[in-house]
Amino acid sequence: MSVKWREMSNHVFQTIEKLLTTSSTAVLYLDIGDFWQKESDPSFHASLASLVDSSERKSVTQFRFRRDAAAHLISLLLQHLVIASIAHVAFDQTFITRKPDGRGKPVPSSGDFAKLLDYNVSHHGGRVAIGIDVTSDVRPACIGIDLVDLNTAGLAIVDDFRDIFSLSERIAIKTHVDPVLQHRYLFSFWALKEAFTKAIGTGLTADLLAIQFSNVPLLSESCMYSDSAKCHFHADLLAWKFQLYFLENCFILAVATPTSKLLCHTSTSVERILLPDLLSSVSVDIPRPTTTSDAD
């Protein structure tokens, strides 16, 4: 099966444009469903992989588990889709590189356009998300996101995280005696630290004990969004905005962006897209797969 990039103009592009008209930051996420198990056409994944360059194809093959490889491939397609949409260029003219500062954060390599857009990706538990931040007049683009599937995340014992959570953070987490609530609260802290360290490009190699969160809410059906979290880095309060979302009652999404007085009240637009829409957006002859979540 040979595949070709589709010309721009479809539902996913319209979704991106709509989200960014209401906020300078947006998150798209989707359920890859049983895409990673597709066996009816052995060339299906290879055909999709042909839409990205050789180094990106190699990165897909380095995952041990097929589900992770499939999520990474979908993540790459999302990155190219976002760049094509915002830069108004053809798909085959979108390129991804790494920041030259050695921190390894992926960025678009389309000349001056790279200065206008920052993005970050995360995948867990069959969901893939991309956070988008566009440069404004008051601050440069910068974003980090983390997505945690509470059903997939293993049982966590708070005191096993002494090298990640400070004493005050562990005390706060332990205030929730109920194991389910404590599990959810712990991974809210985890997602916030991941999102921040990904935004600054260090990942979890940063001094995590120097990054201390407070005023973190317990997400629930009655509290599905909050931007109350504060972060001190080496005891200094950061001028950043930290947003938490409770998605589908089992996913935590954390979004970290620098803030300003003009944008401090603007929340990130979040929208779920369907996998068939993504695949039909990037290729003219990839068949639309069915997933269990398409009818939701």
Protein backbone atom coordinates (compact mmCIF):
# COMPACT_ATOMS: atom_id res chain seq x y z
CA MET A 1 0.00 0.00 0.00
CA SER A 2 1.43 3.34 -1.00
CA VAL A 3 0.26 6.49 0.72
CA LYS A 4 0.38 10.19 -0.01
CA TRP A 5 -0.10 13.28 2.10
CA ARG A 6 -3.55 14.83 1.84
CA GLU A 7 -3.94 18.48 0.94
CA MET A 8 -4.90 20.76 3.84
CA SER A 9 -8.61 21.41 4.44
CA ASN A 10 -10.51 19.11 6.72
CA HIS A 11 -12.16 18.79 10.09
CA VAL A 12 -8.96 18.43 12.14
CA PHE A 13 -7.42 21.57 10.66
CA GLN A 14 -10.64 23.45 11.38
CA THR A 15 -10.56 22.16 14.97
CA ILE A 16 -7.00 23.45 15.49
CA GLU A 17 -7.88 26.84 14.06
CA LYS A 18 -11.02 27.06 16.21
CA LEU A 19 -9.15 26.21 19.40
CA LEU A 20 -6.43 28.78 18.78
CA THR A 21 -8.95 31.56 18.13
CA THR A 22 -10.06 31.37 21.77
CA SER A 23 -6.67 30.81 23.41
CA SER A 24 -2.97 30.89 22.55
CA THR A 25 -2.70 27.37 23.98
CA ALA A 26 -4.61 24.24 23.03
CA VAL A 27 -4.49 20.48 23.56
CA LEU A 28 -5.75 17.84 21.13
CA TYR A 29 -6.05 14.26 22.31
CA LEU A 30 -7.37 11.02 20.90
CA ASP A 31 -7.90 7.36 21.67
CA ILE A 32 -5.85 5.06 19.45
CA GLY A 33 -8.20 2.21 20.37
CA ASP A 34 -7.20 -1.09 18.79
CA PHE A 35 -5.20 0.64 16.06
CA TRP A 36 -2.00 -0.90 17.37
CA GLN A 37 -3.50 -4.42 17.04
CA LYS A 38 -4.59 -4.01 13.42
CA GLU A 39 -3.61 -7.24 11.65
CA SER A 40 -5.89 -7.30 8.58
CA ASP A 41 -3.23 -5.59 6.46
CA PRO A 42 0.39 -6.31 7.47
CA SER A 43 1.56 -3.24 5.56
CA PHE A 44 -0.79 -0.86 7.36
CA HIS A 45 1.66 0.46 9.96
CA ALA A 46 4.55 0.44 7.51
CA SER A 47 2.47 2.52 5.11
CA LEU A 48 1.66 5.06 7.78
CA ALA A 49 5.30 5.13 8.86
CA SER A 50 6.26 6.01 5.28
CA LEU A 51 4.63 9.40 5.90
CA VAL A 52 7.45 10.38 8.25
CA ASP A 53 11.17 10.58 7.55
CA SER A 54 13.69 7.79 8.08
CA SER A 55 14.93 8.97 11.49
CA GLU A 56 11.35 9.16 12.74
CA ARG A 57 10.58 5.70 11.39
CA LYS A 58 13.62 4.40 13.25
CA SER A 59 12.36 5.97 16.48
CA VAL A 60 9.08 4.07 16.07
CA THR A 61 10.86 0.70 15.80
CA GLN A 62 12.82 1.26 19.02
CA PHE A 63 9.78 0.72 21.25
CA ARG A 64 9.56 -2.70 22.85
CA PHE A 65 5.76 -2.90 22.82
CA ARG A 66 3.61 -2.45 19.71
CA ARG A 67 1.10 -0.31 21.56
CA ASP A 68 3.82 2.19 22.52
CA ALA A 69 5.20 2.16 18.97
CA ALA A 70 1.73 2.84 17.56
CA ALA A 71 1.17 5.69 20.03
CA HIS A 72 4.53 7.21 19.08
CA LEU A 73 3.70 6.97 15.38
CA ILE A 74 0.34 8.68 15.93
CA SER A 75 2.17 11.31 17.99
CA LEU A 76 4.52 12.01 15.06
CA LEU A 77 1.60 12.35 12.66
CA LEU A 78 -0.07 14.76 15.08
CA GLN A 79 3.08 16.88 15.25
CA HIS A 80 3.31 17.15 11.48
CA LEU A 81 -0.40 17.88 11.27
CA VAL A 82 -0.18 20.75 13.76
CA ILE A 83 2.86 22.28 12.04
CA ALA A 84 1.20 22.04 8.63
CA SER A 85 -1.99 23.58 9.96
CA ILE A 86 -0.44 26.55 11.76
CA ALA A 87 2.36 27.23 9.25
CA HIS A 88 0.01 26.76 6.28
CA VAL A 89 2.43 24.49 4.50
CA ALA A 90 2.07 21.11 2.82
CA PHE A 91 2.51 18.04 5.01
CA ASP A 92 5.62 16.93 3.17
CA GLN A 93 7.15 20.33 3.90
CA THR A 94 6.90 19.91 7.68
CA PHE A 95 10.06 18.97 9.52
CA ILE A 96 10.82 18.26 13.16
CA THR A 97 14.15 18.77 14.86
CA ARG A 98 15.46 19.00 18.41
CA LYS A 99 16.30 22.18 20.26
CA PRO A 100 20.01 23.02 19.84
CA ASP A 101 20.47 23.57 23.56
CA GLY A 102 20.85 19.84 24.09
CA ARG A 103 17.64 19.49 26.06
CA GLY A 104 16.08 17.34 23.37
CA LYS A 105 12.67 19.01 23.10
CA PRO A 106 11.16 18.54 19.60
CA VAL A 107 10.41 21.72 17.66
CA PRO A 108 9.38 22.56 14.09
CA SER A 109 12.39 23.26 11.91
CA SER A 110 10.61 25.46 9.37
CA GLY A 111 12.83 28.55 9.59
CA ASP A 112 11.41 31.51 11.47
CA PHE A 113 8.20 29.59 12.11
CA ALA A 114 9.98 27.62 14.84
CA LYS A 115 10.06 30.83 16.89
CA LEU A 116 6.27 31.17 16.72
CA LEU A 117 5.21 27.75 17.94
CA ASP A 118 6.05 25.41 20.78
CA TYR A 119 4.42 22.06 21.32
CA ASN A 120 4.71 19.03 23.52
CA VAL A 121 3.35 15.49 23.29
CA SER A 122 2.36 12.81 25.76
CA HIS A 123 0.82 9.38 25.50
CA HIS A 124 -0.37 6.88 28.09
CA GLY A 125 -3.03 4.20 28.32
CA GLY A 126 -4.03 4.33 24.67
CA ARG A 127 -4.46 8.10 24.57
CA VAL A 128 -2.17 10.45 22.64
CA ALA A 129 -2.13 14.20 23.28
CA ILE A 130 -0.36 17.22 21.83
CA GLY A 131 -0.17 20.60 23.55
CA ILE A 132 0.22 23.67 21.31
CA ASP A 133 1.38 27.14 22.32
CA VAL A 134 1.64 30.06 19.91
CA THR A 135 3.85 33.08 20.58
CA SER A 136 1.96 36.16 21.70
CA ASP A 137 2.91 39.81 22.08
CA VAL A 138 3.55 39.34 25.78
CA ARG A 139 5.55 36.11 26.01
CA PRO A 140 7.37 33.54 23.86
CA ALA A 141 5.76 30.19 23.12
CA CYS A 142 6.49 27.48 25.70
CA ILE A 143 4.38 24.52 26.82
CA GLY A 144 4.71 21.18 28.57
CA ILE A 145 2.00 18.58 29.02
CA ASP A 146 1.63 15.21 30.69
CA LEU A 147 -1.18 12.69 30.39
CA VAL A 148 -1.67 9.95 33.00
CA ASP A 149 -4.09 7.04 32.75
CA LEU A 150 -5.04 6.28 36.35
CA ASN A 151 -6.23 2.80 35.38
CA THR A 152 -2.86 1.94 33.83
CA ALA A 153 -0.61 3.65 36.36
CA GLY A 154 0.54 1.06 38.86
CA LEU A 155 -0.13 1.12 42.57
CA ALA A 156 2.08 3.83 44.01
CA ILE A 157 3.33 4.09 47.59
CA VAL A 158 3.98 7.71 48.47
CA ASP A 159 7.19 7.14 50.41
CA ASP A 160 8.70 5.33 47.43
CA PHE A 161 8.83 8.74 45.74
CA ARG A 162 11.25 10.40 48.19
CA ASP A 163 13.54 11.35 45.32
CA ILE A 164 10.65 12.98 43.42
CA PHE A 165 8.29 14.51 45.97
CA SER A 166 9.41 16.80 48.78
CA LEU A 167 8.36 16.17 52.36
CA SER A 168 5.63 18.79 52.15
CA GLU A 169 4.30 17.23 48.94
CA ARG A 170 4.26 13.75 50.48
CA ILE A 171 2.45 15.06 53.55
CA ALA A 172 -0.15 16.71 51.30
CA ILE A 173 -0.67 13.51 49.31
CA LYS A 174 -1.10 11.45 52.50
CA THR A 175 -3.93 13.69 53.70
CA HIS A 176 -6.16 11.60 51.45
CA VAL A 177 -6.50 8.31 53.31
CA ASP A 178 -8.76 6.67 50.73
CA PRO A 179 -6.41 4.66 48.43
CA VAL A 180 -8.27 5.65 45.25
CA LEU A 181 -8.17 9.35 46.10
CA GLN A 182 -4.54 9.19 47.22
CA HIS A 183 -3.62 7.43 43.97
CA ARG A 184 -5.33 10.17 41.96
CA TYR A 185 -3.76 12.93 44.02
CA LEU A 186 -0.26 11.48 43.79
CA PHE A 187 -0.42 11.33 40.00
CA SER A 188 -1.72 14.89 39.87
CA PHE A 189 1.57 15.96 41.47
CA TRP A 190 3.45 13.62 39.14
CA ALA A 191 1.75 15.03 36.03
CA LEU A 192 2.47 18.60 37.11
CA LYS A 193 6.19 17.87 37.59
CA GLU A 194 6.35 16.04 34.26
CA ALA A 195 4.59 18.89 32.43
CA PHE A 196 6.88 21.54 33.91
CA THR A 197 10.13 19.67 33.30
CA LYS A 198 9.03 18.88 29.73
CA ALA A 199 8.22 22.55 29.16
CA ILE A 200 11.71 23.63 30.19
CA GLY A 201 13.22 20.76 28.22
CA THR A 202 14.95 18.81 30.98
CA GLY A 203 12.41 16.09 31.59
CA LEU A 204 12.73 14.13 34.80
CA THR A 205 16.51 14.60 34.83
CA ALA A 206 15.85 17.91 36.62
CA ASP A 207 16.29 18.26 40.38
CA LEU A 208 12.74 17.19 41.16
CA LEU A 209 12.98 17.92 44.87
CA ALA A 210 13.75 21.55 44.01
CA ILE A 211 10.41 21.72 42.18
CA GLN A 212 7.69 21.89 44.82
CA PHE A 213 3.98 22.15 44.09
CA SER A 214 1.33 23.39 46.47
CA ASN A 215 -2.35 24.30 46.35
CA VAL A 216 -2.97 21.28 44.14
CA PRO A 217 -6.67 20.33 43.99
CA LEU A 218 -8.10 16.83 44.18
CA LEU A 219 -9.67 16.28 40.78
CA SER A 220 -13.11 14.67 40.70
CA GLU A 221 -16.38 14.71 38.79
CA SER A 222 -17.19 17.93 40.62
CA CYS A 223 -13.71 19.41 40.03
CA MET A 224 -12.69 18.53 36.48
CA TYR A 225 -10.51 21.60 35.91
CA SER A 226 -8.28 23.76 38.07
CA ASP A 227 -5.49 26.28 37.64
CA SER A 228 -4.87 26.78 41.36
CA ALA A 229 -1.57 24.88 41.58
CA LYS A 230 1.54 26.90 42.48
CA CYS A 231 5.15 25.93 41.99
CA HIS A 232 8.31 26.97 43.81
CA PHE A 233 11.62 26.26 42.12
CA HIS A 234 14.55 26.45 44.54
CA ALA A 235 12.16 28.32 46.89
CA ASP A 236 11.25 30.95 44.27
CA LEU A 237 7.59 31.18 43.24
CA LEU A 238 7.36 30.72 39.48
CA ALA A 239 5.34 33.01 37.24
CA TRP A 240 3.82 30.03 35.48
CA LYS A 241 0.29 28.78 34.97
CA PHE A 242 -0.41 25.14 35.84
CA GLN A 243 -3.67 23.63 34.68
CA LEU A 244 -5.13 20.25 35.60
CA TYR A 245 -7.92 18.48 33.73
CA PHE A 246 -9.81 15.33 34.70
CA LEU A 247 -10.70 13.65 31.41
CA GLU A 248 -13.09 10.73 30.99
CA ASN A 249 -13.00 10.20 34.77
CA CYS A 250 -9.73 8.30 34.54
CA PHE A 251 -7.14 10.56 32.85
CA ILE A 252 -5.20 13.43 34.36
CA LEU A 253 -3.91 16.06 31.97
CA ALA A 254 -1.43 18.65 33.25
CA VAL A 255 -0.49 21.73 31.21
CA ALA A 256 2.40 24.05 32.13
CA THR A 257 3.00 27.43 30.48
CA PRO A 258 4.75 30.67 31.48
CA THR A 259 2.18 33.30 32.29
CA SER A 260 1.74 37.04 32.13
CA LYS A 261 -0.69 39.52 33.62
CA LEU A 262 -2.48 39.77 30.28
CA LEU A 263 -2.94 36.02 29.82
CA CYS A 264 -3.25 34.75 33.39
CA HIS A 265 -7.02 34.28 33.10
CA THR A 266 -6.91 32.41 29.79
CA SER A 267 -7.41 28.66 30.01
CA THR A 268 -6.12 26.10 27.55
CA SER A 269 -8.63 24.86 25.00
CA VAL A 270 -8.87 21.05 25.13
CA GLU A 271 -10.64 18.91 22.55
CA ARG A 272 -10.80 15.24 21.72
CA ILE A 273 -10.51 14.21 18.08
CA LEU A 274 -11.18 10.81 16.53
CA LEU A 275 -8.46 8.57 15.14
CA PRO A 276 -10.23 8.06 11.79
CA ASP A 277 -10.38 11.83 11.35
CA LEU A 278 -6.65 12.10 12.01
CA LEU A 279 -5.73 9.35 9.57
CA SER A 280 -8.02 10.68 6.85
CA SER A 281 -6.45 14.11 7.46
CA VAL A 282 -2.91 13.01 6.73
CA SER A 283 -3.35 10.54 3.89
CA VAL A 284 -5.50 10.25 0.80
CA ASP A 285 -5.61 6.47 0.73
CA ILE A 286 -5.34 5.18 4.30
CA PRO A 287 -8.67 3.45 5.06
CA ARG A 288 -10.67 4.80 7.98
CA PRO A 289 -10.25 2.24 10.78
CA THR A 290 -13.01 1.66 13.27
CA THR A 291 -12.29 1.90 16.98
CA THR A 292 -14.45 1.13 19.96
CA SER A 293 -14.48 4.79 20.93
CA ASP A 294 -15.64 6.25 17.59
CA ALA A 295 -19.27 5.95 18.56
CA ASP A 296 -18.85 7.81 21.85
